[in-house]
Structure formats: structure tokens, C-alpha cells
Amino acid sequence: MAAELPPEGPQHVIVVVGGALITWQGFRENTRDVDSVRRFDMELQVAAAAVAIRHQLDSNWLNARAAAFRPQTLREEECEVLADAPRLRVLGAPLRVVSAMKLFASRGRDYPDLRAIWRQCGFSTAEETVAFFTSHIHWRNMIRILKNMFGQ
């Protein structure tokens, strides 16, 4: 991906969450896409499209759909550096944060991921997990999301 970017310009940052990160960490065998909580500018979108064509990937293989669900408490300096090049830095969100996002989404496909990463997150009880969740997922975000969903 970094090779698709022109040599001059600012460093782009991708913050990976979801199934791609869980796969990277070895808790899942594969994923369909790479979700980021950071939105992409046109230059990065063009580079991602070139990678998709070259490797016959879905056009949305790299997406920022998770950006709408980014916890306000996520700090990029707490993320693991997965790759670092002059024009592209790829970060992995802490698994605790990913678990909060997956718990918030609570889709059927999230439950196996939550089971796989739960112990790695350092949680020992359901209550501890809920306390972390409520400290990272702000209720006003939920209200905004629900209002958008129902057109209110």
C-alpha cells in the first residue's frame, strides 16, 4: 500500500480495528476487509483502489466505516504500530477498545471475536468488561447513532 503513494507528502495513518486486527493478532483465521476508525483522504483512497485492482480485492477492502463508532477515549499513541513507512503508518487499536466497539455493535458475528479476545483484554469478570465499555462508549454517541438510523 505504501508503495502506491507518491514519494512526497504527509504520512497517512490508518487505525485498524475489528476483524482485520483480530486476524493480525492471531485470534481469527481471516477477514473480508480492513476497518479503520480514521477517515481517508483522496490520495489514500486512490492508493487503496490500486491495491484492490492489483490483488483482485473488493473495492471496499480498506474502509473507514468504523470511524462513526470510534470511541472518544481512543488515543493513537496507545495503539500498536503494525507498519511504519515514510508515507504510511498503520496502527492497531488496543484490543480492549476493539472489544468495546464489538460489544457496542453486538452483531452475531461479533460474539466469536469477543470470546476470542476477552482474556487477552485483561478482563476477569463481566462487570469489569461492562465498566470498561461504559467508560469508552459514550451514551450521547449512541443517541446520535440511533437518531441518524431512524431519521430523527
C-alpha atoms as a PDB file:
ATOM      1  CA  MET A   1       0.000   0.000   0.000  1.00  0.00           C
ATOM      2  CA  ALA A   2       2.798   2.439   0.904  1.00  0.00           C
ATOM      3  CA  ALA A   3       4.371   1.770  -2.495  1.00  0.00           C
ATOM      4  CA  GLU A   4       1.233   3.133  -4.182  1.00  0.00           C
ATOM      5  CA  LEU A   5       1.659   6.549  -2.568  1.00  0.00           C
ATOM      6  CA  PRO A   6       3.759   9.285  -4.211  1.00  0.00           C
ATOM      7  CA  PRO A   7       7.158   9.709  -2.526  1.00  0.00           C
ATOM      8  CA  GLU A   8       6.448  13.237  -1.267  1.00  0.00           C
ATOM      9  CA  GLY A   9       3.713  14.346   1.088  1.00  0.00           C
ATOM     10  CA  PRO A  10       2.407  13.831   4.599  1.00  0.00           C
ATOM     11  CA  GLN A  11       2.344  10.489   6.345  1.00  0.00           C
ATOM     12  CA  HIS A  12      -1.090   8.865   6.235  1.00  0.00           C
ATOM     13  CA  VAL A  13      -2.325   6.980   9.285  1.00  0.00           C
ATOM     14  CA  ILE A  14      -4.671   4.012   9.281  1.00  0.00           C
ATOM     15  CA  VAL A  15      -6.000   2.817  12.657  1.00  0.00           C
ATOM     16  CA  VAL A  16      -7.069  -0.801  12.223  1.00  0.00           C
ATOM     17  CA  VAL A  17      -9.906  -2.229  14.317  1.00  0.00           C
ATOM     18  CA  GLY A  18     -12.314  -5.137  14.023  1.00  0.00           C
ATOM     19  CA  GLY A  19     -11.773  -8.450  12.303  1.00  0.00           C
ATOM     20  CA  ALA A  20      -8.598  -7.405  10.482  1.00  0.00           C
ATOM     21  CA  LEU A  21      -6.882  -6.546  13.750  1.00  0.00           C
ATOM     22  CA  ILE A  22      -8.191  -9.691  15.428  1.00  0.00           C
ATOM     23  CA  THR A  23      -6.837 -11.693  12.478  1.00  0.00           C
ATOM     24  CA  TRP A  24      -3.485  -9.849  12.667  1.00  0.00           C
ATOM     25  CA  GLN A  25      -3.282 -10.742  16.378  1.00  0.00           C
ATOM     26  CA  GLY A  26      -3.868 -14.425  15.558  1.00  0.00           C
ATOM     27  CA  PHE A  27      -7.334 -14.824  17.081  1.00  0.00           C
ATOM     28  CA  ARG A  28      -9.110 -15.402  13.781  1.00  0.00           C
ATOM     29  CA  GLU A  29      -8.139 -17.076  10.516  1.00  0.00           C
ATOM     30  CA  ASN A  30      -9.290 -14.458   8.004  1.00  0.00           C
ATOM     31  CA  THR A  31     -11.341 -11.381   7.309  1.00  0.00           C
ATOM     32  CA  ARG A  32     -13.092  -9.801   4.340  1.00  0.00           C
ATOM     33  CA  ASP A  33     -11.855  -6.256   4.824  1.00  0.00           C
ATOM     34  CA  VAL A  34      -9.751  -3.859   6.863  1.00  0.00           C
ATOM     35  CA  ASP A  35     -11.729  -1.428   9.014  1.00  0.00           C
ATOM     36  CA  SER A  36     -10.204   1.836  10.188  1.00  0.00           C
ATOM     37  CA  VAL A  37     -11.506   4.383  12.657  1.00  0.00           C
ATOM     38  CA  ARG A  38      -9.712   7.110  10.709  1.00  0.00           C
ATOM     39  CA  ARG A  39     -11.195   8.534   7.529  1.00  0.00           C
ATOM     40  CA  PHE A  40      -9.069   8.577   4.354  1.00  0.00           C
ATOM     41  CA  ASP A  41      -8.238  11.471   2.084  1.00  0.00           C
ATOM     42  CA  MET A  42      -8.415  11.097  -1.698  1.00  0.00           C
ATOM     43  CA  GLU A  43      -4.722  10.197  -2.065  1.00  0.00           C
ATOM     44  CA  LEU A  44      -5.072   7.218   0.273  1.00  0.00           C
ATOM     45  CA  GLN A  45      -8.337   6.156  -1.379  1.00  0.00           C
ATOM     46  CA  VAL A  46      -6.608   6.132  -4.777  1.00  0.00           C
ATOM     47  CA  ALA A  47      -3.746   4.041  -3.367  1.00  0.00           C
ATOM     48  CA  ALA A  48      -6.222   1.573  -1.827  1.00  0.00           C
ATOM     49  CA  ALA A  49      -8.074   1.304  -5.159  1.00  0.00           C
ATOM     50  CA  ALA A  50      -4.795   0.491  -6.932  1.00  0.00           C
ATOM     51  CA  VAL A  51      -4.066  -2.258  -4.398  1.00  0.00           C
ATOM     52  CA  ALA A  52      -7.601  -3.623  -4.865  1.00  0.00           C
ATOM     53  CA  ILE A  53      -7.131  -3.831  -8.642  1.00  0.00           C
ATOM     54  CA  ARG A  54      -3.654  -5.357  -8.408  1.00  0.00           C
ATOM     55  CA  HIS A  55      -4.718  -8.042  -5.914  1.00  0.00           C
ATOM     56  CA  GLN A  56      -8.301  -8.515  -7.171  1.00  0.00           C
ATOM     57  CA  LEU A  57      -9.819  -7.377  -3.885  1.00  0.00           C
ATOM     58  CA  ASP A  58     -13.222  -5.894  -3.238  1.00  0.00           C
ATOM     59  CA  SER A  59     -13.198  -2.145  -3.833  1.00  0.00           C
ATOM     60  CA  ASN A  60     -14.014  -1.610  -0.129  1.00  0.00           C
ATOM     61  CA  TRP A  61     -11.263  -3.881   1.170  1.00  0.00           C
ATOM     62  CA  LEU A  62      -9.937  -0.876   3.107  1.00  0.00           C
ATOM     63  CA  ASN A  63     -12.674   1.264   4.587  1.00  0.00           C
ATOM     64  CA  ALA A  64     -13.395   3.805   7.285  1.00  0.00           C
ATOM     65  CA  ARG A  65     -16.904   2.609   8.150  1.00  0.00           C
ATOM     66  CA  ALA A  66     -15.795   2.109  11.756  1.00  0.00           C
ATOM     67  CA  ALA A  67     -14.938   5.820  12.060  1.00  0.00           C
ATOM     68  CA  ALA A  68     -18.529   6.539  13.090  1.00  0.00           C
ATOM     69  CA  PHE A  69     -18.055   4.219  16.077  1.00  0.00           C
ATOM     70  CA  ARG A  70     -14.620   5.424  17.192  1.00  0.00           C
ATOM     71  CA  PRO A  71     -14.592   5.681  20.994  1.00  0.00           C
ATOM     72  CA  GLN A  72     -13.763   9.222  22.068  1.00  0.00           C
ATOM     73  CA  THR A  73     -11.259   7.792  24.523  1.00  0.00           C
ATOM     74  CA  LEU A  74      -9.152   6.088  21.822  1.00  0.00           C
ATOM     75  CA  ARG A  75      -5.650   7.558  21.846  1.00  0.00           C
ATOM     76  CA  GLU A  76      -3.486   6.793  18.835  1.00  0.00           C
ATOM     77  CA  GLU A  77      -0.345   6.898  20.995  1.00  0.00           C
ATOM     78  CA  GLU A  78      -1.735   3.840  22.836  1.00  0.00           C
ATOM     79  CA  CYS A  79      -2.059   1.881  19.585  1.00  0.00           C
ATOM     80  CA  GLU A  80       0.426  -0.739  18.440  1.00  0.00           C
ATOM     81  CA  VAL A  81       2.485   0.204  15.374  1.00  0.00           C
ATOM     82  CA  LEU A  82       1.787  -2.547  12.822  1.00  0.00           C
ATOM     83  CA  ALA A  83       3.700  -0.947   9.932  1.00  0.00           C
ATOM     84  CA  ASP A  84       5.625   2.275   9.530  1.00  0.00           C
ATOM     85  CA  ALA A  85       6.811   3.794   6.259  1.00  0.00           C
ATOM     86  CA  PRO A  86       7.616   7.401   5.390  1.00  0.00           C
ATOM     87  CA  ARG A  87       4.189   7.962   3.790  1.00  0.00           C
ATOM     88  CA  LEU A  88       2.070   5.380   5.653  1.00  0.00           C
ATOM     89  CA  ARG A  89       1.731   4.359   9.282  1.00  0.00           C
ATOM     90  CA  VAL A  90      -0.608   1.530  10.244  1.00  0.00           C
ATOM     91  CA  LEU A  91      -1.721   1.312  13.856  1.00  0.00           C
ATOM     92  CA  GLY A  92      -3.684  -1.378  15.644  1.00  0.00           C
ATOM     93  CA  ALA A  93      -6.151  -0.200  18.266  1.00  0.00           C
ATOM     94  CA  PRO A  94      -5.822  -1.779  21.721  1.00  0.00           C
ATOM     95  CA  LEU A  95      -7.872  -4.979  21.902  1.00  0.00           C
ATOM     96  CA  ARG A  96      -9.759  -3.593  24.913  1.00  0.00           C
ATOM     97  CA  VAL A  97     -11.019  -0.759  22.713  1.00  0.00           C
ATOM     98  CA  VAL A  98     -11.885  -3.182  19.914  1.00  0.00           C
ATOM     99  CA  SER A  99     -13.828  -5.279  22.428  1.00  0.00           C
ATOM    100  CA  ALA A 100     -15.841  -2.215  23.496  1.00  0.00           C
ATOM    101  CA  MET A 101     -16.628  -1.434  19.839  1.00  0.00           C
ATOM    102  CA  LYS A 102     -17.675  -5.040  19.176  1.00  0.00           C
ATOM    103  CA  LEU A 103     -19.795  -5.130  22.322  1.00  0.00           C
ATOM    104  CA  PHE A 104     -21.454  -1.899  21.201  1.00  0.00           C
ATOM    105  CA  ALA A 105     -22.183  -3.360  17.746  1.00  0.00           C
ATOM    106  CA  SER A 106     -23.333  -6.692  19.244  1.00  0.00           C
ATOM    107  CA  ARG A 107     -23.874  -8.329  15.880  1.00  0.00           C
ATOM    108  CA  GLY A 108     -23.940 -12.116  15.762  1.00  0.00           C
ATOM    109  CA  ARG A 109     -20.544 -12.171  14.058  1.00  0.00           C
ATOM    110  CA  ASP A 110     -19.043 -10.114  16.910  1.00  0.00           C
ATOM    111  CA  TYR A 111     -19.620 -12.738  19.595  1.00  0.00           C
ATOM    112  CA  PRO A 112     -16.941 -15.230  18.460  1.00  0.00           C
ATOM    113  CA  ASP A 113     -14.451 -12.340  18.252  1.00  0.00           C
ATOM    114  CA  LEU A 114     -15.388 -11.159  21.735  1.00  0.00           C
ATOM    115  CA  ARG A 115     -14.941 -14.673  23.119  1.00  0.00           C
ATOM    116  CA  ALA A 116     -11.572 -14.998  21.365  1.00  0.00           C
ATOM    117  CA  ILE A 117     -10.075 -11.735  22.642  1.00  0.00           C
ATOM    118  CA  TRP A 118     -11.771 -11.377  26.043  1.00  0.00           C
ATOM    119  CA  ARG A 119      -8.984 -12.878  28.179  1.00  0.00           C
ATOM    120  CA  GLN A 120      -6.316 -11.092  26.124  1.00  0.00           C
ATOM    121  CA  CYS A 121      -8.033  -7.819  27.048  1.00  0.00           C
ATOM    122  CA  GLY A 122      -7.302  -8.477  30.711  1.00  0.00           C
ATOM    123  CA  PHE A 123     -10.922  -8.703  31.780  1.00  0.00           C
ATOM    124  CA  SER A 124     -11.700 -11.179  34.535  1.00  0.00           C
ATOM    125  CA  THR A 125     -15.406 -10.557  35.084  1.00  0.00           C
ATOM    126  CA  ALA A 126     -18.420  -9.456  33.101  1.00  0.00           C
ATOM    127  CA  GLU A 127     -18.757  -6.482  35.442  1.00  0.00           C
ATOM    128  CA  GLU A 128     -15.213  -5.338  34.675  1.00  0.00           C
ATOM    129  CA  THR A 129     -15.953  -5.609  30.963  1.00  0.00           C
ATOM    130  CA  VAL A 130     -19.129  -3.532  31.319  1.00  0.00           C
ATOM    131  CA  ALA A 131     -17.287  -0.897  33.368  1.00  0.00           C
ATOM    132  CA  PHE A 132     -14.665  -0.567  30.635  1.00  0.00           C
ATOM    133  CA  PHE A 133     -17.354  -0.482  27.943  1.00  0.00           C
ATOM    134  CA  THR A 134     -19.312   2.293  29.630  1.00  0.00           C
ATOM    135  CA  SER A 135     -16.145   4.340  30.134  1.00  0.00           C
ATOM    136  CA  HIS A 136     -15.280   4.139  26.412  1.00  0.00           C
ATOM    137  CA  ILE A 137     -18.609   4.202  24.603  1.00  0.00           C
ATOM    138  CA  HIS A 138     -20.331   7.455  25.348  1.00  0.00           C
ATOM    139  CA  TRP A 139     -24.109   7.316  25.523  1.00  0.00           C
ATOM    140  CA  ARG A 140     -24.520  10.548  23.584  1.00  0.00           C
ATOM    141  CA  ASN A 141     -22.822   8.782  20.652  1.00  0.00           C
ATOM    142  CA  MET A 142     -25.462   6.066  20.898  1.00  0.00           C
ATOM    143  CA  ILE A 143     -28.236   8.638  20.867  1.00  0.00           C
ATOM    144  CA  ARG A 144     -26.704  10.332  17.783  1.00  0.00           C
ATOM    145  CA  ILE A 145     -26.330   6.992  16.016  1.00  0.00           C
ATOM    146  CA  LEU A 146     -29.900   5.961  16.805  1.00  0.00           C
ATOM    147  CA  LYS A 147     -31.269   9.328  15.682  1.00  0.00           C
ATOM    148  CA  ASN A 148     -29.380   9.002  12.405  1.00  0.00           C
ATOM    149  CA  MET A 149     -30.574   5.441  11.982  1.00  0.00           C
ATOM    150  CA  PHE A 150     -34.228   6.375  12.486  1.00  0.00           C
ATOM    151  CA  GLY A 151     -34.081   9.760  10.759  1.00  0.00           C
ATOM    152  CA  GLN A 152     -34.839  11.825  13.836  1.00  0.00           C
END
